[in-house]
Protein backbone atom coordinates (compact mmCIF):
# COMPACT_ATOMS: atom_id res chain seq x y z
CA MET A 1 23.90 23.84 20.10
CA TYR A 2 24.34 27.62 20.02
CA ALA A 3 22.42 29.87 22.41
CA ILE A 4 20.36 31.39 19.60
CA GLU A 5 19.25 27.91 18.54
CA ARG A 6 18.26 27.04 22.09
CA HIS A 7 16.33 30.28 22.39
CA GLU A 8 14.42 29.49 19.19
CA ARG A 9 13.58 26.01 20.48
CA ILE A 10 12.41 27.40 23.81
CA SER A 11 10.29 30.06 22.10
CA ALA A 12 8.71 27.44 19.85
CA GLU A 13 7.89 25.24 22.85
CA LEU A 14 6.29 28.20 24.62
CA ALA A 15 4.23 29.03 21.55
CA GLY A 16 2.95 25.47 21.44
CA SER A 17 2.27 24.66 25.07
CA GLY A 18 2.42 28.00 26.88
CA ARG A 19 4.90 26.77 29.51
CA VAL A 20 8.29 25.01 29.84
CA THR A 21 10.22 23.41 32.67
CA VAL A 22 13.93 23.62 33.39
CA THR A 23 14.30 19.84 33.70
CA GLY A 24 12.36 19.17 30.51
CA LEU A 25 14.37 21.67 28.48
CA ALA A 26 17.67 20.41 29.87
CA SER A 27 16.79 16.91 28.72
CA ASP A 28 15.44 17.98 25.31
CA LEU A 29 18.33 20.33 24.53
CA GLY A 30 21.09 18.19 26.00
CA VAL A 31 22.45 20.90 28.26
CA THR A 32 22.70 21.49 31.99
CA ALA A 33 19.90 22.96 34.08
CA GLU A 34 22.09 25.99 34.79
CA THR A 35 22.44 26.67 31.06
CA VAL A 36 18.66 26.50 30.67
CA ARG A 37 18.19 28.94 33.55
CA ARG A 38 20.55 31.42 31.89
CA ASP A 39 18.62 31.03 28.62
CA LEU A 40 15.33 31.65 30.41
CA ASP A 41 16.75 34.71 32.15
CA ALA A 42 17.87 36.10 28.79
CA LEU A 43 14.49 35.46 27.18
CA GLU A 44 12.70 37.05 30.12
CA ARG A 45 14.77 40.22 29.66
CA GLN A 46 13.65 40.22 26.03
CA GLY A 47 10.00 39.96 27.09
CA VAL A 48 9.50 36.52 25.52
CA LEU A 49 8.56 34.73 28.74
CA ARG A 50 7.99 35.07 32.45
CA ARG A 51 9.93 32.98 34.95
CA VAL A 52 7.93 30.83 37.37
CA HIS A 53 8.93 28.16 39.86
CA GLY A 54 10.64 25.33 37.98
CA GLY A 55 10.48 26.93 34.54
CA ALA A 56 8.68 29.65 32.61
CA VAL A 57 5.38 30.58 30.99
CA ALA A 58 4.60 32.69 27.95
CA SER A 59 4.79 36.41 28.71
CA GLY A 60 1.04 36.84 28.25
CA LYS A 61 0.24 34.25 30.92
CA THR A 62 0.13 36.38 34.04
CA SER A 63 -2.06 35.85 37.09
CA LEU A 64 -4.29 38.71 35.92
CA ALA A 65 -4.52 37.70 32.25
CA GLU A 66 -8.17 37.62 31.21
CA THR A 67 -9.77 37.68 27.77
CA THR A 68 -13.38 38.29 26.79
CA VAL A 69 -15.86 35.53 26.07
CA ALA A 70 -15.88 36.59 22.42
CA ASP A 71 -12.07 36.34 22.19
CA ARG A 72 -12.13 32.85 23.74
CA ALA A 73 -15.03 31.51 21.69
CA ASP A 74 -12.88 30.00 18.93
CA ARG A 75 -9.94 28.88 21.08
CA ALA A 76 -9.64 25.11 21.53
CA ARG A 77 -13.14 24.73 20.06
CA GLU A 78 -12.78 20.99 19.41
CA ALA A 79 -11.45 20.33 22.91
CA LYS A 80 -14.27 22.31 24.51
CA ALA A 81 -16.87 20.46 22.43
CA ALA A 82 -15.43 17.11 23.52
CA ILE A 83 -15.36 18.21 27.19
CA ALA A 84 -18.97 19.40 26.93
CA ALA A 85 -20.07 16.09 25.41
CA ALA A 86 -18.41 14.18 28.25
CA ALA A 87 -20.10 16.47 30.78
CA PHE A 88 -23.48 15.89 29.14
CA GLU A 89 -22.92 12.14 29.42
CA LEU A 90 -22.62 12.55 33.20
CA LEU A 91 -26.24 13.64 33.29
CA GLY A 92 -27.44 10.45 31.64
CA GLU A 93 -30.63 10.00 29.67
CA GLY A 94 -32.82 9.68 32.75
CA PHE A 95 -31.36 12.54 34.77
CA SER A 96 -33.86 14.83 36.43
CA GLY A 97 -32.98 17.53 38.88
CA SER A 98 -31.05 20.77 39.01
CA VAL A 99 -27.88 21.78 37.17
CA LEU A 100 -25.73 24.82 37.93
CA LEU A 101 -23.73 26.22 35.01
CA ASP A 102 -20.84 28.59 35.63
CA SER A 103 -20.02 31.26 33.05
CA GLY A 104 -17.40 30.50 30.40
CA THR A 105 -16.96 29.15 26.90
CA THR A 106 -16.64 25.48 27.88
CA THR A 107 -19.76 25.58 30.04
CA ALA A 108 -21.45 27.42 27.14
CA ALA A 109 -20.61 24.44 24.91
CA LEU A 110 -22.45 22.24 27.41
CA ALA A 111 -25.35 24.70 27.40
CA GLU A 112 -25.61 24.33 23.63
CA LEU A 113 -26.15 20.60 24.08
CA LEU A 114 -28.77 21.21 26.76
CA ALA A 115 -30.52 23.80 24.59
CA HIS A 116 -31.22 21.22 21.88
CA ARG A 117 -32.28 18.34 24.10
CA GLY A 118 -35.93 17.80 24.92
CA ARG A 119 -37.58 16.14 27.86
CA ASP A 120 -37.35 12.73 26.18
CA ALA A 121 -33.55 12.95 26.10
CA LEU A 122 -33.16 14.25 29.64
CA GLY A 123 -35.99 12.49 31.40
CA ALA A 124 -38.13 14.73 33.62
CA ARG A 125 -38.07 18.51 33.44
CA LEU A 126 -34.59 19.88 34.11
CA THR A 127 -33.84 23.00 36.14
CA VAL A 128 -30.79 24.98 35.04
CA ILE A 129 -29.28 27.77 37.14
CA THR A 130 -26.60 30.08 35.74
CA ASN A 131 -24.94 33.45 36.25
CA SER A 132 -24.06 33.72 32.56
CA VAL A 133 -26.12 36.02 30.33
CA PRO A 134 -25.02 34.25 27.08
CA ILE A 135 -25.86 30.83 28.54
CA ALA A 136 -29.27 32.09 29.66
CA ALA A 137 -29.85 33.41 26.14
CA LEU A 138 -29.02 29.96 24.73
CA LEU A 139 -31.38 28.12 27.05
CA HIS A 140 -34.41 30.32 27.51
CA HIS A 141 -36.10 29.12 24.28
CA ASN A 142 -36.22 25.49 25.47
CA ASP A 143 -39.59 24.93 27.12
CA ASP A 144 -38.39 21.61 28.56
CA LEU A 145 -35.95 23.48 30.80
CA GLU A 146 -36.75 25.62 33.81
CA LEU A 147 -34.19 28.41 33.72
CA HIS A 148 -33.01 30.48 36.69
CA LEU A 149 -30.67 33.42 36.08
CA LEU A 150 -28.68 34.63 39.08
CA GLY A 151 -28.68 38.37 39.65
CA GLY A 152 -25.91 40.86 40.23
CA ARG A 153 -23.59 43.18 38.35
CA VAL A 154 -22.77 41.81 34.90
CA ARG A 155 -19.06 41.92 34.05
CA GLY A 156 -18.39 42.97 30.47
CA VAL A 157 -15.35 40.69 30.11
CA THR A 158 -17.15 37.45 30.97
CA SER A 159 -20.84 38.44 30.70
CA ALA A 160 -21.29 36.89 34.15
CA ALA A 161 -23.37 38.18 37.05
CA VAL A 162 -21.15 38.73 40.09
CA GLY A 163 -21.35 40.39 43.48
CA THR A 164 -23.32 40.01 46.69
CA PRO A 165 -26.72 39.24 45.07
CA ALA A 166 -25.34 36.23 43.19
CA VAL A 167 -23.40 34.94 46.20
CA ASP A 168 -26.42 35.36 48.49
CA GLN A 169 -28.72 33.51 46.09
CA LEU A 170 -26.29 30.62 45.84
CA ALA A 171 -26.18 30.33 49.63
CA HIS A 172 -29.88 29.40 49.52
CA LEU A 173 -29.54 26.80 46.75
CA ARG A 174 -28.42 23.16 46.70
CA PRO A 175 -28.18 22.10 43.02
CA ASP A 176 -27.57 18.43 42.25
CA ILE A 177 -24.53 19.08 40.08
CA ALA A 178 -22.44 22.14 39.25
CA PHE A 179 -20.30 22.49 36.13
CA ILE A 180 -17.51 24.98 36.87
CA GLY A 181 -14.90 26.62 34.65
CA ALA A 182 -11.44 27.83 35.71
CA ASN A 183 -8.52 29.82 34.33
CA GLY A 184 -6.04 27.56 36.07
CA VAL A 185 -5.84 24.23 37.88
CA SER A 186 -2.67 23.35 39.78
CA ALA A 187 -1.57 20.84 42.37
CA GLU A 188 -0.53 23.47 44.92
CA PHE A 189 -3.07 26.24 44.36
CA GLY A 190 -6.18 24.41 43.22
CA LEU A 191 -8.69 26.15 40.93
CA SER A 192 -8.22 29.84 40.24
CA THR A 193 -9.42 32.82 38.22
CA PRO A 194 -8.02 36.35 37.71
CA GLU A 195 -10.88 38.46 39.13
CA GLU A 196 -11.89 38.50 42.80
CA HIS A 197 -15.65 39.01 42.35
CA GLU A 198 -15.82 36.19 39.83
CA ALA A 199 -13.83 34.04 42.26
CA SER A 200 -16.35 34.75 45.03
CA VAL A 201 -19.25 33.55 42.87
CA LYS A 202 -17.36 30.44 41.79
CA SER A 203 -16.55 29.65 45.43
CA ALA A 204 -20.23 30.00 46.30
CA MET A 205 -21.12 27.64 43.44
CA VAL A 206 -18.67 25.04 44.72
CA ARG A 207 -20.04 25.30 48.26
CA SER A 208 -23.65 25.05 47.13
CA ALA A 209 -23.55 21.98 44.88
CA ARG A 210 -23.96 18.35 45.89
CA ARG A 211 -21.48 17.36 43.15
CA VAL A 212 -18.83 19.60 41.58
CA VAL A 213 -17.47 18.99 38.08
CA ALA A 214 -14.70 21.18 36.65
CA LEU A 215 -14.62 21.61 32.87
CA VAL A 216 -11.07 22.67 31.99
CA ASP A 217 -9.23 22.36 28.68
CA SER A 218 -5.59 21.29 28.71
CA SER A 219 -4.22 24.82 28.26
CA LYS A 220 -5.34 25.58 31.84
CA LEU A 221 -3.78 22.52 33.49
CA GLY A 222 -0.86 23.51 35.70
CA ASP A 223 -1.68 27.22 35.47
CA GLU A 224 -2.45 29.56 38.36
CA ALA A 225 -4.44 32.79 38.25
CA LEU A 226 -4.50 35.38 41.04
CA HIS A 227 -7.54 34.26 43.05
CA ARG A 228 -8.13 30.71 44.25
CA PHE A 229 -11.80 29.78 44.46
CA ALA A 230 -11.59 26.06 45.28
CA GLU A 231 -9.12 23.47 46.49
CA LEU A 232 -8.74 20.19 44.65
CA ARG A 233 -10.34 18.32 47.55
CA GLU A 234 -13.59 20.21 46.86
CA LEU A 235 -13.82 18.69 43.36
CA ASP A 236 -15.63 15.48 42.52
CA VAL A 237 -14.77 15.27 38.81
CA LEU A 238 -12.34 16.97 36.44
CA ILE A 239 -13.05 16.74 32.70
CA SER A 240 -10.30 17.78 30.29
CA ASP A 241 -9.11 16.95 26.80
CA THR A 242 -5.82 15.49 28.04
CA ASP A 243 -4.83 13.46 31.07
CA PRO A 244 -3.20 15.65 33.75
CA ALA A 245 0.44 14.75 34.36
CA GLY A 246 3.09 15.04 37.04
CA THR A 247 2.28 16.66 40.37
CA LEU A 248 -1.23 17.65 39.28
CA SER A 249 -2.10 14.06 38.44
CA ALA A 250 -0.73 12.89 41.79
CA ALA A 251 -2.65 15.58 43.68
CA LEU A 252 -5.91 14.72 41.96
CA ASP A 253 -5.39 11.07 42.85
CA ALA A 254 -4.61 11.97 46.45
CA HIS A 255 -7.86 13.90 46.75
CA GLU A 256 -9.82 11.14 44.99
CA VAL A 257 -10.93 13.42 42.14
CA GLU A 258 -12.27 11.40 39.22
CA VAL A 259 -10.56 12.43 35.98
CA ILE A 260 -12.39 12.04 32.66
CA VAL A 261 -10.42 12.54 29.45
CA ALA A 262 -12.75 13.69 26.69
């Protein structure tokens, strides 16, 4: 196989999955690992990808990459809906208590389910706490929910309240279950997000909750953003649309994190 053909195959794989490994490409292309590394180096010089340990990621996947809620709304919509449905099932028909919802499009999909469920579906009156302005807007019309909106500076990119007020409020709360989003989940780095103030609020959410559930679509599995906000051992449940593989799967097992595939 000529180099240009290998480069096209590598580019296609990156477009589909967002990341490639040296060992995987060597096996798929029938060449040595050293040949793959030279191909990756060449493609990095062209701006097609960015080298990471053991392989490469698409050039747009940097530790600071962050898109707006509006831009992410239609991405992996079916996967997010399935993850949200599985998260809602965790509450059960008779659940009563307090739920903490992180900002994000997957947690917003869960909020949509909560917004259309009455007291009969959820049991007793449900208290929902969130730092997300769009999620609060979804939920505030439902009289069967008691809604608490955390305060702070609202970030335009995520429409989430961040900063000292939100962190301080969370320090005085103990919700029964927290549903948390992430930009990356990896075996070595845990759960991460690109922005430090958002990371601080997410960390406070994880510390505050009796049970922590991460809602993460498969495009985030194995990724790492700049700021870690939780280690895998701090998770109780991970819900995704595919089963984590390789070192991430082993790490989740080691930390006794329940994995639910939606």
